[in-house]
Amino acid sequence: MSLIPILLLVDDAIAILVVTMIGLGFHQMDAVLWDRLPFTFVPFYGVWVLAAAALRLYSPARAGDWRQLWRVAPAAIVAALPAAALRSWWLGAPLVPVFVLVMGLAVAAGLLTSRGLYILSSGRLCR
């Protein structure tokens, strides 16, 4: 395994972690942030990695090409439903459709930002 997919895995984890922490912060859950964090982060990151791998978003050629950046958003939004379902099952709580939509869009925005920064930093914007 080359260094690029490992960097992207770490980058994606940071992006989803930041989105999760911001979301928990909006609900004034700072006091229990570390207790609730895994219930959202783990399913969303796990399902995202599976979706991204299936769509070859960890391929160095696709990851570094700005013309392929659009693939990140639909993959994140599609991954949101199974991730939220897994989270609901894990918490023993009902699946809330608004949460699926908001978290899917937020994760997509976070991943688009991080992948865009990756492309800029790799110097492949002009290709």
Protein backbone atom coordinates (compact mmCIF):
# COMPACT_ATOMS: atom_id res chain seq x y z
CA MET A 1 0.00 0.00 0.00
CA SER A 2 1.45 3.34 -0.99
CA LEU A 3 1.62 6.42 1.17
CA ILE A 4 -1.17 8.31 -0.64
CA PRO A 5 -4.07 6.04 0.45
CA ILE A 6 -2.78 6.09 4.03
CA LEU A 7 -2.65 9.90 3.96
CA LEU A 8 -6.17 10.00 2.55
CA LEU A 9 -7.46 7.61 5.23
CA VAL A 10 -6.01 9.85 7.94
CA ASP A 11 -7.27 12.99 6.18
CA ASP A 12 -10.78 11.52 5.89
CA ALA A 13 -10.73 10.50 9.55
CA ILE A 14 -9.79 14.03 10.59
CA ALA A 15 -12.51 15.55 8.39
CA ILE A 16 -15.23 13.25 9.76
CA LEU A 17 -13.95 13.72 13.32
CA VAL A 18 -14.14 17.52 12.97
CA VAL A 19 -17.67 17.33 11.52
CA THR A 20 -18.73 15.03 14.35
CA MET A 21 -17.25 17.28 17.02
CA ILE A 22 -18.89 20.38 15.51
CA GLY A 23 -22.23 18.56 15.40
CA LEU A 24 -21.98 17.49 19.02
CA GLY A 25 -20.98 21.05 19.92
CA PHE A 26 -24.16 22.40 18.34
CA HIS A 27 -26.14 20.29 20.77
CA GLN A 28 -24.23 21.60 23.81
CA MET A 29 -22.76 18.17 24.40
CA ASP A 30 -19.25 19.33 25.33
CA ALA A 31 -19.46 17.68 28.74
CA VAL A 32 -20.22 14.27 27.23
CA LEU A 33 -18.38 14.79 23.95
CA TRP A 34 -15.94 11.93 24.44
CA ASP A 35 -18.72 9.57 25.55
CA ARG A 36 -20.90 10.26 22.50
CA LEU A 37 -18.17 10.77 19.90
CA PRO A 38 -17.57 7.09 19.03
CA PHE A 39 -21.28 6.45 18.44
CA THR A 40 -21.24 8.86 15.50
CA PHE A 41 -17.63 8.85 14.33
CA VAL A 42 -17.05 5.09 14.09
CA PRO A 43 -20.09 4.22 11.92
CA PHE A 44 -19.69 7.23 9.64
CA TYR A 45 -15.96 6.72 9.16
CA GLY A 46 -16.31 2.96 8.69
CA VAL A 47 -19.07 3.18 6.11
CA TRP A 48 -17.32 6.08 4.36
CA VAL A 49 -14.11 4.04 3.99
CA LEU A 50 -16.07 1.14 2.49
CA ALA A 51 -17.94 3.45 0.07
CA ALA A 52 -14.78 5.32 -0.91
CA ALA A 53 -12.85 2.10 -1.47
CA ALA A 54 -15.68 0.68 -3.60
CA LEU A 55 -15.66 3.83 -5.73
CA ARG A 56 -11.84 3.81 -5.87
CA LEU A 57 -11.60 7.20 -4.20
CA TYR A 58 -8.33 6.12 -2.59
CA SER A 59 -6.70 5.60 -5.99
CA PRO A 60 -3.84 8.11 -6.30
CA ALA A 61 -4.95 9.02 -9.83
CA ARG A 62 -8.51 9.84 -8.74
CA ALA A 63 -7.64 11.37 -5.39
CA GLY A 64 -5.27 13.89 -6.92
CA ASP A 65 -7.46 14.90 -9.87
CA TRP A 66 -9.76 17.87 -9.29
CA ARG A 67 -12.08 16.59 -12.05
CA GLN A 68 -12.81 13.55 -9.88
CA LEU A 69 -13.59 15.60 -6.76
CA TRP A 70 -17.34 15.52 -7.49
CA ARG A 71 -17.41 11.79 -6.66
CA VAL A 72 -16.79 12.53 -2.98
CA ALA A 73 -20.13 14.25 -2.30
CA PRO A 74 -22.49 11.56 -3.66
CA ALA A 75 -20.42 8.84 -1.98
CA ALA A 76 -20.67 10.63 1.38
CA ILE A 77 -24.39 11.24 1.05
CA VAL A 78 -25.09 7.64 0.03
CA ALA A 79 -22.90 6.35 2.89
CA ALA A 80 -24.88 8.46 5.40
CA LEU A 81 -27.94 6.18 5.46
CA PRO A 82 -26.21 2.91 6.38
CA ALA A 83 -23.93 4.79 8.79
CA ALA A 84 -26.88 6.44 10.54
CA ALA A 85 -28.72 3.12 10.63
CA LEU A 86 -25.70 1.46 12.24
CA ARG A 87 -25.46 4.34 14.74
CA SER A 88 -29.17 4.03 15.58
CA TRP A 89 -28.84 0.30 16.10
CA TRP A 90 -25.75 0.81 18.29
CA LEU A 91 -27.54 3.44 20.43
CA GLY A 92 -30.85 1.58 20.45
CA ALA A 93 -32.54 4.72 19.15
CA PRO A 94 -34.85 5.32 16.20
CA LEU A 95 -33.41 6.40 12.87
CA VAL A 96 -34.09 10.11 12.34
CA PRO A 97 -34.27 11.04 8.63
CA VAL A 98 -33.27 14.67 9.28
CA PHE A 99 -30.11 13.46 11.02
CA VAL A 100 -29.26 11.30 7.99
CA LEU A 101 -29.66 14.29 5.65
CA VAL A 102 -27.81 16.80 7.83
CA MET A 103 -24.96 14.46 8.69
CA GLY A 104 -24.66 13.32 5.07
CA LEU A 105 -24.41 16.89 3.82
CA ALA A 106 -22.04 17.92 6.62
CA VAL A 107 -19.74 14.94 6.04
CA ALA A 108 -19.83 15.61 2.29
CA ALA A 109 -18.85 19.25 2.89
CA GLY A 110 -16.05 18.25 5.26
CA LEU A 111 -14.68 15.62 2.91
CA LEU A 112 -14.93 17.93 -0.11
CA THR A 113 -12.97 20.54 1.80
CA SER A 114 -10.28 18.12 2.94
CA ARG A 115 -9.97 16.43 -0.45
CA GLY A 116 -9.85 19.83 -2.14
CA LEU A 117 -7.04 20.88 0.17
CA TYR A 118 -5.28 17.61 -0.63
CA ILE A 119 -5.48 18.35 -4.35
CA LEU A 120 -4.20 21.90 -3.82
CA SER A 121 -1.33 20.72 -1.64
CA SER A 122 -0.35 17.96 -4.07
CA GLY A 123 0.01 20.51 -6.86
CA ARG A 124 -2.22 18.66 -9.29
CA LEU A 125 -4.79 21.37 -9.82
CA CYS A 126 -3.49 22.26 -13.26
CA ARG A 127 -3.78 18.78 -14.75
